[in-house]
Amino acid sequence: MNISPYFSAPLRQRINEDMIMRKLATKTQIAYIRGVNKLCEHLQHPPETTTQEELREFQLFMVNHGVSGMTVNATLTALKFLFQITLDKPEVIARICPVTVARKLPVVLSLEEAKRFMAMATHPKLKAALAVAYGAGLRVSEVVALKVSDIDSKRMVIRVEQGKGSRDRYAMLSPVLLEHLRNWWRFANQQGQMFEGGWLFPGLNPIDHMTSRHLSRVCKQTASAAAIEKNVSMHTLRHSFATHLLEAKVDIRVIQVLLGHAQLSTTARYTQVATNLLKEVISPLDFLSIKH
């Protein structure tokens, strides 16, 4: 990211300190800096002198140039932090409102597609990592950050440390998933690829864990090899985990806990893609033909 000359070093230091004081996640800090930098590039002057009208024009500029609703809202959130917290000028951004973002149904694999997908993952490490995403519903960032000590085979749980929202939780560890992990552990130790107490999925340098980008790329390649035409990502495996549990009649509140969702409404959206549940519902039109 090229920093705008109008985004001064003292202002960057101040906003960095404000974010660190509030213990914002690293990704959030990067997003906020990127958002403020976009404003500086657009205004061509320091943000300290920004007016309400300039912010209005900036938002209009983003919308007119095809910037997605999610990106617009992320940028506005960054600017809200800048003006409300760092610059202490809440009145400047008081009239800026987020845009409505269209909610799309998540892409979900069928059970047959999930079976084909897992069959195409042949390397023990990659098979185990993808199995954790689908078999335990973990986010890609949570999968790569697992340590060997996070696997508790006695209690059959996986400890997810500092997941989204800086919350710890336990995920399920099924017998089949445990077997995939043990296969990888035996292979890794034979090849000297894993340190005792180190990362469960180390990178090329075992000191570091595998990157999210690398695992996401492997996921795409595996889906292609399995001849799955859907746009499959690592999050697709998490979506499929939740949907297949729902179709298996697992209580939605249990699924909420397993996924680490703060709100039940977030988990409830999977009811819209659980097609097996829809098939069980009798249409009121069918009632008309039922003889009493």
C-alpha atoms as a PDB file:
ATOM      1  CA  MET A   1       0.000   0.000   0.000  1.00  0.00           C
ATOM      2  CA  ASN A   2       1.429   3.348  -1.082  1.00  0.00           C
ATOM      3  CA  ILE A   3       0.845   5.916   1.646  1.00  0.00           C
ATOM      4  CA  SER A   4      -0.508   9.247   0.435  1.00  0.00           C
ATOM      5  CA  PRO A   5       1.788  12.234   1.137  1.00  0.00           C
ATOM      6  CA  TYR A   6      -1.251  13.911   2.723  1.00  0.00           C
ATOM      7  CA  PHE A   7      -1.482  11.134   5.331  1.00  0.00           C
ATOM      8  CA  SER A   8       1.181  12.557   7.638  1.00  0.00           C
ATOM      9  CA  ALA A   9       3.449  10.461   9.844  1.00  0.00           C
ATOM     10  CA  PRO A  10       2.219  12.153  13.076  1.00  0.00           C
ATOM     11  CA  LEU A  11      -1.404  11.364  12.151  1.00  0.00           C
ATOM     12  CA  ARG A  12      -0.510   7.752  11.303  1.00  0.00           C
ATOM     13  CA  GLN A  13       1.255   7.401  14.642  1.00  0.00           C
ATOM     14  CA  ARG A  14      -1.718   8.879  16.491  1.00  0.00           C
ATOM     15  CA  ILE A  15      -4.286   6.623  14.848  1.00  0.00           C
ATOM     16  CA  ASN A  16      -2.007   3.602  15.354  1.00  0.00           C
ATOM     17  CA  GLU A  17      -1.757   4.395  19.063  1.00  0.00           C
ATOM     18  CA  ASP A  18      -5.548   4.789  19.306  1.00  0.00           C
ATOM     19  CA  MET A  19      -6.041   1.391  17.676  1.00  0.00           C
ATOM     20  CA  ILE A  20      -3.421  -0.299  19.844  1.00  0.00           C
ATOM     21  CA  MET A  21      -4.988   1.195  23.003  1.00  0.00           C
ATOM     22  CA  ARG A  22      -8.271  -0.468  22.032  1.00  0.00           C
ATOM     23  CA  LYS A  23      -6.529  -3.732  21.113  1.00  0.00           C
ATOM     24  CA  LEU A  24      -8.036  -3.791  17.638  1.00  0.00           C
ATOM     25  CA  ALA A  25      -7.155  -6.834  15.544  1.00  0.00           C
ATOM     26  CA  THR A  26      -4.231  -6.477  13.134  1.00  0.00           C
ATOM     27  CA  LYS A  27      -6.537  -6.908  10.116  1.00  0.00           C
ATOM     28  CA  THR A  28      -8.795  -4.162  11.463  1.00  0.00           C
ATOM     29  CA  GLN A  29      -5.828  -1.825  11.932  1.00  0.00           C
ATOM     30  CA  ILE A  30      -4.677  -2.422   8.359  1.00  0.00           C
ATOM     31  CA  ALA A  31      -8.219  -1.837   7.058  1.00  0.00           C
ATOM     32  CA  TYR A  32      -8.524   1.453   8.962  1.00  0.00           C
ATOM     33  CA  ILE A  33      -5.189   2.735   7.638  1.00  0.00           C
ATOM     34  CA  ARG A  34      -6.222   1.740   4.115  1.00  0.00           C
ATOM     35  CA  GLY A  35      -9.565   3.552   4.484  1.00  0.00           C
ATOM     36  CA  VAL A  36      -7.998   6.782   5.702  1.00  0.00           C
ATOM     37  CA  ASN A  37      -5.382   6.566   2.960  1.00  0.00           C
ATOM     38  CA  LYS A  38      -8.145   6.324   0.324  1.00  0.00           C
ATOM     39  CA  LEU A  39      -9.686   9.525   1.650  1.00  0.00           C
ATOM     40  CA  CYS A  40      -6.318  11.330   1.539  1.00  0.00           C
ATOM     41  CA  GLU A  41      -5.715  10.245  -2.049  1.00  0.00           C
ATOM     42  CA  HIS A  42      -9.159  11.480  -3.041  1.00  0.00           C
ATOM     43  CA  LEU A  43      -9.034  14.818  -1.210  1.00  0.00           C
ATOM     44  CA  GLN A  44      -5.428  15.680  -2.087  1.00  0.00           C
ATOM     45  CA  HIS A  45      -5.112  17.480   1.237  1.00  0.00           C
ATOM     46  CA  PRO A  46      -4.699  16.423   4.899  1.00  0.00           C
ATOM     47  CA  PRO A  47      -7.834  14.855   6.424  1.00  0.00           C
ATOM     48  CA  GLU A  48      -7.665  17.166   9.458  1.00  0.00           C
ATOM     49  CA  THR A  49      -9.360  19.906   7.391  1.00  0.00           C
ATOM     50  CA  THR A  50     -12.046  17.669   5.834  1.00  0.00           C
ATOM     51  CA  THR A  51     -15.596  19.035   5.706  1.00  0.00           C
ATOM     52  CA  GLN A  52     -18.958  17.251   5.790  1.00  0.00           C
ATOM     53  CA  GLU A  53     -19.495  18.103   2.134  1.00  0.00           C
ATOM     54  CA  GLU A  54     -16.148  16.580   1.129  1.00  0.00           C
ATOM     55  CA  LEU A  55     -17.013  13.347   2.918  1.00  0.00           C
ATOM     56  CA  ARG A  56     -20.378  13.291   1.128  1.00  0.00           C
ATOM     57  CA  GLU A  57     -18.623  13.766  -2.222  1.00  0.00           C
ATOM     58  CA  PHE A  58     -16.114  11.028  -1.349  1.00  0.00           C
ATOM     59  CA  GLN A  59     -18.859   8.502  -0.612  1.00  0.00           C
ATOM     60  CA  LEU A  60     -20.657   9.479  -3.815  1.00  0.00           C
ATOM     61  CA  PHE A  61     -17.379   9.049  -5.712  1.00  0.00           C
ATOM     62  CA  MET A  62     -16.954   5.498  -4.369  1.00  0.00           C
ATOM     63  CA  VAL A  63     -20.517   4.502  -5.234  1.00  0.00           C
ATOM     64  CA  ASN A  64     -20.351   6.014  -8.740  1.00  0.00           C
ATOM     65  CA  HIS A  65     -17.082   4.208  -9.455  1.00  0.00           C
ATOM     66  CA  GLY A  66     -18.475   0.764  -8.684  1.00  0.00           C
ATOM     67  CA  VAL A  67     -16.922   0.198  -5.273  1.00  0.00           C
ATOM     68  CA  SER A  68     -18.752  -2.671  -3.576  1.00  0.00           C
ATOM     69  CA  GLY A  69     -21.110  -1.950  -0.701  1.00  0.00           C
ATOM     70  CA  MET A  70     -18.934  -3.910   1.723  1.00  0.00           C
ATOM     71  CA  THR A  71     -15.847  -1.893   0.773  1.00  0.00           C
ATOM     72  CA  VAL A  72     -17.761   1.403   1.030  1.00  0.00           C
ATOM     73  CA  ASN A  73     -18.975   0.491   4.515  1.00  0.00           C
ATOM     74  CA  ALA A  74     -15.511  -0.690   5.601  1.00  0.00           C
ATOM     75  CA  THR A  75     -14.043   2.623   4.441  1.00  0.00           C
ATOM     76  CA  LEU A  76     -16.725   4.601   6.269  1.00  0.00           C
ATOM     77  CA  THR A  77     -16.061   2.613   9.451  1.00  0.00           C
ATOM     78  CA  ALA A  78     -12.379   3.562   9.202  1.00  0.00           C
ATOM     79  CA  LEU A  79     -13.264   7.229   8.723  1.00  0.00           C
ATOM     80  CA  LYS A  80     -15.676   7.071  11.639  1.00  0.00           C
ATOM     81  CA  PHE A  81     -12.801   5.928  13.844  1.00  0.00           C
ATOM     82  CA  LEU A  82     -10.544   8.660  12.475  1.00  0.00           C
ATOM     83  CA  PHE A  83     -12.937  11.557  13.052  1.00  0.00           C
ATOM     84  CA  GLN A  84     -14.649  10.364  16.230  1.00  0.00           C
ATOM     85  CA  ILE A  85     -11.626   8.990  18.077  1.00  0.00           C
ATOM     86  CA  THR A  86      -8.341  10.252  16.659  1.00  0.00           C
ATOM     87  CA  LEU A  87      -9.330  13.738  15.506  1.00  0.00           C
ATOM     88  CA  ASP A  88     -12.197  14.222  18.000  1.00  0.00           C
ATOM     89  CA  LYS A  89     -14.394  15.743  15.299  1.00  0.00           C
ATOM     90  CA  PRO A  90     -17.554  13.594  15.370  1.00  0.00           C
ATOM     91  CA  GLU A  91     -19.619  16.351  13.766  1.00  0.00           C
ATOM     92  CA  VAL A  92     -17.717  15.958  10.486  1.00  0.00           C
ATOM     93  CA  ILE A  93     -18.921  12.408   9.943  1.00  0.00           C
ATOM     94  CA  ALA A  94     -22.241  12.664  11.773  1.00  0.00           C
ATOM     95  CA  ARG A  95     -24.338  12.691   8.590  1.00  0.00           C
ATOM     96  CA  ILE A  96     -22.561   9.849   6.775  1.00  0.00           C
ATOM     97  CA  CYS A  97     -24.601   6.627   6.662  1.00  0.00           C
ATOM     98  CA  PRO A  98     -23.574   3.125   5.539  1.00  0.00           C
ATOM     99  CA  VAL A  99     -25.003   1.705   2.344  1.00  0.00           C
ATOM    100  CA  THR A 100     -27.289  -1.313   2.128  1.00  0.00           C
ATOM    101  CA  VAL A 101     -25.412  -4.471   1.174  1.00  0.00           C
ATOM    102  CA  ALA A 102     -27.235  -7.206  -0.703  1.00  0.00           C
ATOM    103  CA  ARG A 103     -27.189 -10.447   1.271  1.00  0.00           C
ATOM    104  CA  LYS A 104     -26.386 -13.482  -0.843  1.00  0.00           C
ATOM    105  CA  LEU A 105     -26.980 -17.091   0.105  1.00  0.00           C
ATOM    106  CA  PRO A 106     -23.748 -18.925   0.926  1.00  0.00           C
ATOM    107  CA  VAL A 107     -22.361 -21.502  -1.494  1.00  0.00           C
ATOM    108  CA  VAL A 108     -22.805 -24.980  -0.009  1.00  0.00           C
ATOM    109  CA  LEU A 109     -21.528 -28.356  -1.187  1.00  0.00           C
ATOM    110  CA  SER A 110     -23.824 -31.343  -1.346  1.00  0.00           C
ATOM    111  CA  LEU A 111     -22.768 -34.406   0.646  1.00  0.00           C
ATOM    112  CA  GLU A 112     -21.721 -36.103  -2.602  1.00  0.00           C
ATOM    113  CA  GLU A 113     -19.637 -33.075  -3.618  1.00  0.00           C
ATOM    114  CA  ALA A 114     -18.036 -32.919  -0.177  1.00  0.00           C
ATOM    115  CA  LYS A 115     -17.099 -36.596  -0.495  1.00  0.00           C
ATOM    116  CA  ARG A 116     -15.509 -36.004  -3.921  1.00  0.00           C
ATOM    117  CA  PHE A 117     -13.714 -32.942  -2.617  1.00  0.00           C
ATOM    118  CA  MET A 118     -12.131 -34.739   0.330  1.00  0.00           C
ATOM    119  CA  ALA A 119     -11.169 -37.689  -1.874  1.00  0.00           C
ATOM    120  CA  MET A 120      -9.119 -35.402  -4.140  1.00  0.00           C
ATOM    121  CA  ALA A 121      -6.968 -34.085  -1.260  1.00  0.00           C
ATOM    122  CA  THR A 122      -4.113 -36.600  -1.226  1.00  0.00           C
ATOM    123  CA  HIS A 123      -1.240 -35.027   0.746  1.00  0.00           C
ATOM    124  CA  PRO A 124      -1.681 -35.864   4.473  1.00  0.00           C
ATOM    125  CA  LYS A 125      -1.145 -32.258   5.614  1.00  0.00           C
ATOM    126  CA  LEU A 126      -3.533 -30.694   3.106  1.00  0.00           C
ATOM    127  CA  LYS A 127      -6.129 -33.423   3.589  1.00  0.00           C
ATOM    128  CA  ALA A 128      -6.017 -32.903   7.357  1.00  0.00           C
ATOM    129  CA  ALA A 129      -6.236 -29.110   7.066  1.00  0.00           C
ATOM    130  CA  LEU A 130      -9.228 -29.252   4.702  1.00  0.00           C
ATOM    131  CA  ALA A 131     -10.824 -31.895   6.927  1.00  0.00           C
ATOM    132  CA  VAL A 132     -10.589 -29.525   9.907  1.00  0.00           C
ATOM    133  CA  ALA A 133     -12.369 -26.789   7.936  1.00  0.00           C
ATOM    134  CA  TYR A 134     -15.198 -29.092   6.830  1.00  0.00           C
ATOM    135  CA  GLY A 135     -15.295 -31.488   9.781  1.00  0.00           C
ATOM    136  CA  ALA A 136     -15.112 -28.854  12.545  1.00  0.00           C
ATOM    137  CA  GLY A 137     -16.367 -25.710  10.786  1.00  0.00           C
ATOM    138  CA  LEU A 138     -13.262 -23.611  11.431  1.00  0.00           C
ATOM    139  CA  ARG A 139     -12.385 -20.443   9.523  1.00  0.00           C
ATOM    140  CA  VAL A 140      -9.251 -20.627   7.385  1.00  0.00           C
ATOM    141  CA  SER A 141      -7.410 -18.264   9.765  1.00  0.00           C
ATOM    142  CA  GLU A 142      -8.337 -20.572  12.659  1.00  0.00           C
ATOM    143  CA  VAL A 143      -7.213 -23.723  10.826  1.00  0.00           C
ATOM    144  CA  VAL A 144      -3.707 -22.471  10.022  1.00  0.00           C
ATOM    145  CA  ALA A 145      -3.199 -21.061  13.535  1.00  0.00           C
ATOM    146  CA  LEU A 146      -3.808 -24.384  15.298  1.00  0.00           C
ATOM    147  CA  LYS A 147      -1.059 -25.825  17.447  1.00  0.00           C
ATOM    148  CA  VAL A 148      -0.497 -29.521  18.139  1.00  0.00           C
ATOM    149  CA  SER A 149      -1.508 -28.907  21.759  1.00  0.00           C
ATOM    150  CA  ASP A 150      -4.927 -27.595  20.622  1.00  0.00           C
ATOM    151  CA  ILE A 151      -6.030 -31.130  19.719  1.00  0.00           C
ATOM    152  CA  ASP A 152      -7.552 -32.809  22.784  1.00  0.00           C
ATOM    153  CA  SER A 153      -8.208 -36.424  21.806  1.00  0.00           C
ATOM    154  CA  LYS A 154      -9.320 -37.374  25.323  1.00  0.00           C
ATOM    155  CA  ARG A 155     -12.191 -34.905  25.354  1.00  0.00           C
ATOM    156  CA  MET A 156     -12.565 -35.061  21.549  1.00  0.00           C
ATOM    157  CA  VAL A 157     -12.458 -31.284  21.107  1.00  0.00           C
ATOM    158  CA  ILE A 158     -10.296 -28.733  19.300  1.00  0.00           C
ATOM    159  CA  ARG A 159      -9.333 -25.601  21.177  1.00  0.00           C
ATOM    160  CA  VAL A 160      -9.707 -22.521  18.969  1.00  0.00           C
ATOM    161  CA  GLU A 161      -7.654 -19.778  20.571  1.00  0.00           C
ATOM    162  CA  GLN A 162      -8.573 -16.154  19.929  1.00  0.00           C
ATOM    163  CA  GLY A 163     -10.896 -16.726  16.985  1.00  0.00           C
ATOM    164  CA  LYS A 164     -12.962 -13.981  15.394  1.00  0.00           C
ATOM    165  CA  GLY A 165     -13.893 -11.331  17.952  1.00  0.00           C
ATOM    166  CA  SER A 166     -10.893 -12.378  20.100  1.00  0.00           C
ATOM    167  CA  ARG A 167     -12.927 -15.207  21.621  1.00  0.00           C
ATOM    168  CA  ASP A 168     -11.720 -18.672  22.608  1.00  0.00           C
ATOM    169  CA  ARG A 169     -13.997 -21.635  21.984  1.00  0.00           C
ATOM    170  CA  TYR A 170     -14.030 -25.395  21.557  1.00  0.00           C
ATOM    171  CA  ALA A 171     -14.845 -27.071  18.250  1.00  0.00           C
ATOM    172  CA  MET A 172     -15.879 -30.669  17.735  1.00  0.00           C
ATOM    173  CA  LEU A 173     -13.309 -33.371  16.989  1.00  0.00           C
ATOM    174  CA  SER A 174     -14.915 -36.337  15.268  1.00  0.00           C
ATOM    175  CA  PRO A 175     -13.263 -39.788  15.151  1.00  0.00           C
ATOM    176  CA  VAL A 176     -12.725 -39.524  11.370  1.00  0.00           C
ATOM    177  CA  LEU A 177     -11.158 -36.074  11.687  1.00  0.00           C
ATOM    178  CA  LEU A 178      -8.914 -37.342  14.491  1.00  0.00           C
ATOM    179  CA  GLU A 179      -7.731 -40.142  12.206  1.00  0.00           C
ATOM    180  CA  HIS A 180      -6.857 -37.624   9.457  1.00  0.00           C
ATOM    181  CA  LEU A 181      -4.885 -35.575  11.998  1.00  0.00           C
ATOM    182  CA  ARG A 182      -3.059 -38.651  13.305  1.00  0.00           C
ATOM    183  CA  ASN A 183      -2.133 -39.688   9.755  1.00  0.00           C
ATOM    184  CA  TRP A 184      -0.646 -36.236   9.196  1.00  0.00           C
ATOM    185  CA  TRP A 185       1.116 -36.243  12.581  1.00  0.00           C
ATOM    186  CA  ARG A 186       2.797 -39.603  11.824  1.00  0.00           C
ATOM    187  CA  PHE A 187       3.816 -38.453   8.333  1.00  0.00           C
ATOM    188  CA  ALA A 188       5.129 -35.101   9.579  1.00  0.00           C
ATOM    189  CA  ASN A 189       7.214 -36.658  12.313  1.00  0.00           C
ATOM    190  CA  GLN A 190       8.705 -39.218   9.930  1.00  0.00           C
ATOM    191  CA  GLN A 191       9.695 -36.375   7.595  1.00  0.00           C
ATOM    192  CA  GLY A 192      10.829 -34.033  10.373  1.00  0.00           C
ATOM    193  CA  GLN A 193       8.272 -31.409   9.358  1.00  0.00           C
ATOM    194  CA  MET A 194       6.713 -30.743  12.756  1.00  0.00           C
ATOM    195  CA  PHE A 195       8.163 -29.382  15.987  1.00  0.00           C
ATOM    196  CA  GLU A 196       6.968 -30.766  19.305  1.00  0.00           C
ATOM    197  CA  GLY A 197       4.405 -28.302  20.646  1.00  0.00           C
ATOM    198  CA  GLY A 198       4.619 -26.320  17.421  1.00  0.00           C
ATOM    199  CA  TRP A 199       2.179 -25.518  14.648  1.00  0.00           C
ATOM    200  CA  LEU A 200      -0.193 -28.270  13.575  1.00  0.00           C
ATOM    201  CA  PHE A 201       0.162 -27.146   9.955  1.00  0.00           C
ATOM    202  CA  PRO A 202       3.639 -25.621   9.596  1.00  0.00           C
ATOM    203  CA  GLY A 203       4.730 -23.753   6.496  1.00  0.00           C
ATOM    204  CA  LEU A 204       7.878 -24.401   4.447  1.00  0.00           C
ATOM    205  CA  ASN A 205       9.746 -23.011   7.447  1.00  0.00           C
ATOM    206  CA  PRO A 206       8.332 -24.979  10.430  1.00  0.00           C
ATOM    207  CA  ILE A 207       8.812 -21.915  12.635  1.00  0.00           C
ATOM    208  CA  ASP A 208       5.848 -20.324  10.828  1.00  0.00           C
ATOM    209  CA  HIS A 209       2.420 -21.822  10.203  1.00  0.00           C
ATOM    210  CA  MET A 210       0.960 -22.375   6.768  1.00  0.00           C
ATOM    211  CA  THR A 211      -0.562 -19.182   5.357  1.00  0.00           C
ATOM    212  CA  SER A 212      -4.276 -18.690   4.829  1.00  0.00           C
ATOM    213  CA  ARG A 213      -3.565 -17.720   1.226  1.00  0.00           C
ATOM    214  CA  HIS A 214      -1.763 -20.991   0.522  1.00  0.00           C
ATOM    215  CA  LEU A 215      -4.516 -23.131   2.035  1.00  0.00           C
ATOM    216  CA  SER A 216      -7.173 -21.140   0.157  1.00  0.00           C
ATOM    217  CA  ARG A 217      -5.307 -21.765  -3.095  1.00  0.00           C
ATOM    218  CA  VAL A 218      -5.130 -25.489  -2.303  1.00  0.00           C
ATOM    219  CA  CYS A 219      -8.887 -25.469  -1.652  1.00  0.00           C
ATOM    220  CA  LYS A 220      -9.560 -23.979  -5.102  1.00  0.00           C
ATOM    221  CA  GLN A 221      -7.284 -26.514  -6.783  1.00  0.00           C
ATOM    222  CA  THR A 222      -8.914 -29.409  -4.927  1.00  0.00           C
ATOM    223  CA  ALA A 223     -12.413 -28.300  -5.946  1.00  0.00           C
ATOM    224  CA  SER A 224     -11.274 -28.030  -9.559  1.00  0.00           C
ATOM    225  CA  ALA A 225      -9.739 -31.509  -9.442  1.00  0.00           C
ATOM    226  CA  ALA A 226     -13.012 -32.840  -8.019  1.00  0.00           C
ATOM    227  CA  ALA A 227     -14.883 -31.298 -10.993  1.00  0.00           C
ATOM    228  CA  ILE A 228     -17.010 -29.117  -8.717  1.00  0.00           C
ATOM    229  CA  GLU A 229     -18.316 -26.189 -10.760  1.00  0.00           C
ATOM    230  CA  LYS A 230     -19.369 -24.093  -7.760  1.00  0.00           C
ATOM    231  CA  ASN A 231     -17.194 -21.213  -6.585  1.00  0.00           C
ATOM    232  CA  VAL A 232     -15.616 -23.106  -3.691  1.00  0.00           C
ATOM    233  CA  SER A 233     -13.575 -21.327  -1.038  1.00  0.00           C
ATOM    234  CA  MET A 234     -12.402 -22.271   2.439  1.00  0.00           C
ATOM    235  CA  HIS A 235     -15.487 -20.558   3.821  1.00  0.00           C
ATOM    236  CA  THR A 236     -17.608 -22.838   1.622  1.00  0.00           C
ATOM    237  CA  LEU A 237     -16.384 -25.749   3.738  1.00  0.00           C
ATOM    238  CA  ARG A 238     -17.486 -23.925   6.902  1.00  0.00           C
ATOM    239  CA  HIS A 239     -20.875 -23.150   5.312  1.00  0.00           C
ATOM    240  CA  SER A 240     -21.239 -26.797   4.302  1.00  0.00           C
ATOM    241  CA  PHE A 241     -20.369 -27.964   7.830  1.00  0.00           C
ATOM    242  CA  ALA A 242     -23.168 -25.851   9.327  1.00  0.00           C
ATOM    243  CA  THR A 243     -25.735 -26.733   6.641  1.00  0.00           C
ATOM    244  CA  HIS A 244     -25.098 -30.466   6.799  1.00  0.00           C
ATOM    245  CA  LEU A 245     -25.398 -30.434  10.595  1.00  0.00           C
ATOM    246  CA  LEU A 246     -28.684 -28.550  10.306  1.00  0.00           C
ATOM    247  CA  GLU A 247     -29.978 -31.076   7.784  1.00  0.00           C
ATOM    248  CA  ALA A 248     -28.971 -33.834  10.218  1.00  0.00           C
ATOM    249  CA  LYS A 249     -31.357 -32.233  12.750  1.00  0.00           C
ATOM    250  CA  VAL A 250     -28.646 -30.863  15.060  1.00  0.00           C
ATOM    251  CA  ASP A 251     -30.076 -28.053  17.223  1.00  0.00           C
ATOM    252  CA  ILE A 252     -29.306 -24.674  15.673  1.00  0.00           C
ATOM    253  CA  ARG A 253     -28.132 -23.324  19.040  1.00  0.00           C
ATOM    254  CA  VAL A 254     -25.508 -26.081  19.204  1.00  0.00           C
ATOM    255  CA  ILE A 255     -24.365 -25.157  15.689  1.00  0.00           C
ATOM    256  CA  GLN A 256     -24.127 -21.518  16.809  1.00  0.00           C
ATOM    257  CA  VAL A 257     -21.728 -22.514  19.594  1.00  0.00           C
ATOM    258  CA  LEU A 258     -19.639 -24.717  17.293  1.00  0.00           C
ATOM    259  CA  LEU A 259     -19.289 -21.918  14.742  1.00  0.00           C
ATOM    260  CA  GLY A 260     -18.528 -19.293  17.373  1.00  0.00           C
ATOM    261  CA  HIS A 261     -21.335 -16.969  16.250  1.00  0.00           C
ATOM    262  CA  ALA A 262     -22.208 -14.204  18.687  1.00  0.00           C
ATOM    263  CA  GLN A 263     -25.761 -13.898  17.312  1.00  0.00           C
ATOM    264  CA  LEU A 264     -28.201 -16.739  16.599  1.00  0.00           C
ATOM    265  CA  SER A 265     -29.493 -14.754  13.615  1.00  0.00           C
ATOM    266  CA  THR A 266     -26.130 -15.269  11.901  1.00  0.00           C
ATOM    267  CA  THR A 267     -26.476 -19.040  12.221  1.00  0.00           C
ATOM    268  CA  ALA A 268     -30.146 -18.988  11.226  1.00  0.00           C
ATOM    269  CA  ARG A 269     -29.322 -18.060   7.628  1.00  0.00           C
ATOM    270  CA  TYR A 270     -28.280 -21.663   7.023  1.00  0.00           C
ATOM    271  CA  THR A 271     -31.935 -22.652   7.235  1.00  0.00           C
ATOM    272  CA  GLN A 272     -32.291 -20.966   3.826  1.00  0.00           C
ATOM    273  CA  VAL A 273     -29.803 -23.338   2.163  1.00  0.00           C
ATOM    274  CA  ALA A 274     -30.612 -26.550   4.047  1.00  0.00           C
ATOM    275  CA  THR A 275     -32.516 -28.038   1.099  1.00  0.00           C
ATOM    276  CA  ASN A 276     -33.175 -31.362   2.817  1.00  0.00           C
ATOM    277  CA  LEU A 277     -35.242 -29.506   5.400  1.00  0.00           C
ATOM    278  CA  LEU A 278     -37.205 -27.758   2.651  1.00  0.00           C
ATOM    279  CA  LYS A 279     -38.060 -31.110   1.082  1.00  0.00           C
ATOM    280  CA  GLU A 280     -39.693 -32.242   4.315  1.00  0.00           C
ATOM    281  CA  VAL A 281     -42.100 -29.310   4.389  1.00  0.00           C
ATOM    282  CA  ILE A 282     -45.545 -29.985   2.876  1.00  0.00           C
ATOM    283  CA  SER A 283     -46.836 -27.157   0.726  1.00  0.00           C
ATOM    284  CA  PRO A 284     -50.318 -25.806   1.609  1.00  0.00           C
ATOM    285  CA  LEU A 285     -51.215 -26.531  -2.025  1.00  0.00           C
ATOM    286  CA  ASP A 286     -50.664 -30.235  -1.356  1.00  0.00           C
ATOM    287  CA  PHE A 287     -53.109 -30.100   1.530  1.00  0.00           C
ATOM    288  CA  LEU A 288     -55.872 -29.320  -0.929  1.00  0.00           C
ATOM    289  CA  SER A 289     -55.545 -32.712  -2.567  1.00  0.00           C
ATOM    290  CA  ILE A 290     -55.443 -34.674   0.676  1.00  0.00           C
ATOM    291  CA  LYS A 291     -58.660 -36.601   1.167  1.00  0.00           C
ATOM    292  CA  HIS A 292     -60.171 -36.504   4.620  1.00  0.00           C
END
